[in-house]
Amino acid sequence: MELILKQDVENLGFKDDVVTVKNGYGRNYLIPQGMAVLATSSAKKVLAENLRQKAHKEKQVIEAAEKTAEALKSLEVKIPAKVGDADKLFGSVTNIDLAAVLEKEGHAIDKKYISIKGGAIKRAGPYEAEIRLHREVVVPFGFEVVPEK
């Protein structure tokens, strides 16, 4: 029995995949649970058109993410922080602080898409982070933590 998956099914396939399963599994579990529909010729044509449209939209999203990546690469960010002895910070600098600074610079990036190598920063100096703008577009981003004046 051929089915088109409406959602990801573990050990079977991902959304919009055409899969072949045993009749009982499809008829008694996947279709009643709303996880799949029968892969008729008309359903396959609709699926092909949806995938074509989705690919076009995805291409536009990737292009926008790459433009943002180029803008981020040219950006120099210095995060001021209170510093004690031997450049040790009072508190720490995290992805939340970096997201706030980027917001002020005009780039609204959610904190969950920013990962600072090594976790929270406890000392002043230059650091690296990775910003994921899209699952295919990841930007290495350099910034510096400087003593507050």
Protein backbone atom coordinates (compact mmCIF):
# COMPACT_ATOMS: atom_id res chain seq x y z
CA MET A 1 0.00 0.00 0.00
CA GLU A 2 1.42 3.37 -1.02
CA LEU A 3 0.83 6.32 1.30
CA ILE A 4 1.83 9.98 1.45
CA LEU A 5 2.95 10.96 4.95
CA LYS A 6 1.32 14.06 6.43
CA GLN A 7 3.86 14.24 9.27
CA ASP A 8 7.16 12.68 10.30
CA VAL A 9 6.79 9.05 11.37
CA GLU A 10 9.67 7.49 13.26
CA ASN A 11 11.40 4.60 11.46
CA LEU A 12 9.26 5.19 8.35
CA GLY A 13 9.81 8.59 6.77
CA PHE A 14 9.40 12.34 6.84
CA LYS A 15 6.50 14.63 5.96
CA ASP A 16 5.53 14.54 2.25
CA ASP A 17 7.40 11.27 1.59
CA VAL A 18 5.70 8.58 -0.49
CA VAL A 19 6.18 5.29 1.35
CA THR A 20 5.10 1.68 0.87
CA VAL A 21 3.75 -0.08 3.96
CA LYS A 22 1.79 -3.22 4.71
CA ASN A 23 -1.97 -2.88 4.23
CA GLY A 24 -2.88 -3.36 7.90
CA TYR A 25 -0.36 -0.80 9.18
CA GLY A 26 -1.60 1.80 6.74
CA ARG A 27 -5.33 1.09 7.03
CA ASN A 28 -5.48 0.51 10.80
CA TYR A 29 -2.88 2.94 12.15
CA LEU A 30 -1.44 5.58 9.81
CA ILE A 31 -4.62 6.72 8.06
CA PRO A 32 -6.93 6.78 11.14
CA GLN A 33 -4.29 8.66 13.18
CA GLY A 34 -4.10 11.31 10.44
CA MET A 35 -0.44 10.54 9.75
CA ALA A 36 -0.92 9.59 6.09
CA VAL A 37 -3.27 9.59 3.11
CA LEU A 38 -3.60 7.16 0.22
CA ALA A 39 -1.16 7.89 -2.60
CA THR A 40 -3.61 8.10 -5.48
CA SER A 41 -2.51 9.65 -8.76
CA SER A 42 -4.35 12.90 -8.01
CA ALA A 43 -2.84 13.07 -4.51
CA LYS A 44 0.64 12.58 -6.02
CA LYS A 45 0.03 15.45 -8.47
CA VAL A 46 -1.09 17.73 -5.62
CA LEU A 47 1.98 16.70 -3.61
CA ALA A 48 4.31 17.46 -6.53
CA GLU A 49 2.80 20.93 -6.95
CA ASN A 50 3.03 21.65 -3.21
CA LEU A 51 6.68 20.58 -3.14
CA ARG A 52 7.45 22.79 -6.15
CA GLN A 53 5.85 25.81 -4.45
CA LYS A 54 7.57 25.03 -1.15
CA ALA A 55 10.96 24.85 -2.92
CA HIS A 56 10.37 28.28 -4.47
CA LYS A 57 9.47 29.82 -1.08
CA GLU A 58 12.43 28.07 0.56
CA LYS A 59 14.77 29.55 -2.05
CA GLN A 60 13.54 33.06 -1.21
CA VAL A 61 14.01 32.45 2.53
CA ILE A 62 17.57 31.19 1.96
CA GLU A 63 18.42 34.25 -0.16
CA ALA A 64 17.16 36.57 2.60
CA ALA A 65 19.19 34.64 5.20
CA GLU A 66 22.33 34.93 3.05
CA LYS A 67 21.85 38.72 2.76
CA THR A 68 21.56 38.93 6.54
CA ALA A 69 24.69 36.74 6.86
CA GLU A 70 26.68 39.16 4.68
CA ALA A 71 25.50 42.09 6.80
CA LEU A 72 26.50 40.26 10.00
CA LYS A 73 29.98 39.44 8.67
CA SER A 74 30.75 43.14 8.19
CA LEU A 75 29.49 44.01 11.68
CA GLU A 76 31.91 44.63 14.57
CA VAL A 77 30.28 44.11 17.94
CA LYS A 78 31.75 45.12 21.28
CA ILE A 79 29.77 44.19 24.35
CA PRO A 80 30.58 46.35 27.39
CA ALA A 81 30.61 44.55 30.74
CA LYS A 82 31.68 45.30 34.31
CA VAL A 83 35.15 43.86 34.83
CA GLY A 84 37.08 43.10 38.00
CA ASP A 85 40.63 41.82 38.56
CA ALA A 86 42.41 40.06 35.66
CA ASP A 87 39.63 40.88 33.16
CA LYS A 88 37.17 38.69 35.07
CA LEU A 89 33.54 39.74 34.57
CA PHE A 90 30.99 40.43 37.26
CA GLY A 91 28.38 37.97 36.02
CA SER A 92 28.61 36.63 32.49
CA VAL A 93 27.82 37.42 28.86
CA THR A 94 25.44 34.97 27.17
CA ASN A 95 23.59 34.55 23.89
CA ILE A 96 20.82 36.73 25.36
CA ASP A 97 23.22 39.68 25.64
CA LEU A 98 24.53 39.11 22.12
CA ALA A 99 20.96 38.95 20.77
CA ALA A 100 20.16 42.27 22.51
CA VAL A 101 23.22 43.96 20.97
CA LEU A 102 22.36 42.61 17.51
CA GLU A 103 18.79 43.89 17.99
CA LYS A 104 20.18 47.40 18.61
CA GLU A 105 22.22 47.07 15.41
CA GLY A 106 19.04 46.29 13.46
CA HIS A 107 19.24 42.48 13.18
CA ALA A 108 16.40 40.74 15.03
CA ILE A 109 17.81 37.27 15.76
CA ASP A 110 16.26 35.02 18.38
CA LYS A 111 18.59 33.97 21.21
CA LYS A 112 17.97 30.26 20.59
CA TYR A 113 19.65 30.54 17.17
CA ILE A 114 22.87 31.96 18.68
CA SER A 115 25.39 29.59 20.20
CA ILE A 116 28.53 30.94 21.84
CA LYS A 117 31.44 28.54 21.68
CA GLY A 118 32.27 27.51 25.23
CA GLY A 119 28.94 28.65 26.70
CA ALA A 120 28.68 31.70 28.96
CA ILE A 121 31.59 34.16 28.83
CA LYS A 122 33.33 34.98 32.12
CA ARG A 123 36.31 37.06 30.90
CA ALA A 124 36.84 40.07 28.65
CA GLY A 125 38.34 39.45 25.22
CA PRO A 126 37.50 38.30 21.69
CA TYR A 127 35.04 35.41 21.22
CA GLU A 128 33.30 33.44 18.47
CA ALA A 129 29.64 32.52 18.12
CA GLU A 130 27.60 30.70 15.50
CA ILE A 131 24.36 32.26 14.33
CA ARG A 132 21.93 29.94 12.56
CA LEU A 133 19.74 32.00 10.25
CA HIS A 134 18.37 28.96 8.40
CA ARG A 135 19.09 25.25 8.61
CA GLU A 136 21.36 25.69 5.57
CA VAL A 137 22.83 29.12 6.51
CA VAL A 138 25.08 29.22 9.59
CA VAL A 139 27.32 32.27 10.13
CA PRO A 140 30.47 32.31 12.26
CA PHE A 141 30.33 35.59 14.14
CA GLY A 142 33.21 37.25 15.98
CA PHE A 143 32.62 39.73 18.79
CA GLU A 144 34.52 41.22 21.72
CA VAL A 145 33.69 41.71 25.38
CA VAL A 146 35.25 44.97 26.56
CA PRO A 147 35.51 46.58 30.02
CA GLU A 148 32.74 49.06 30.77
CA LYS A 149 33.89 52.63 31.34
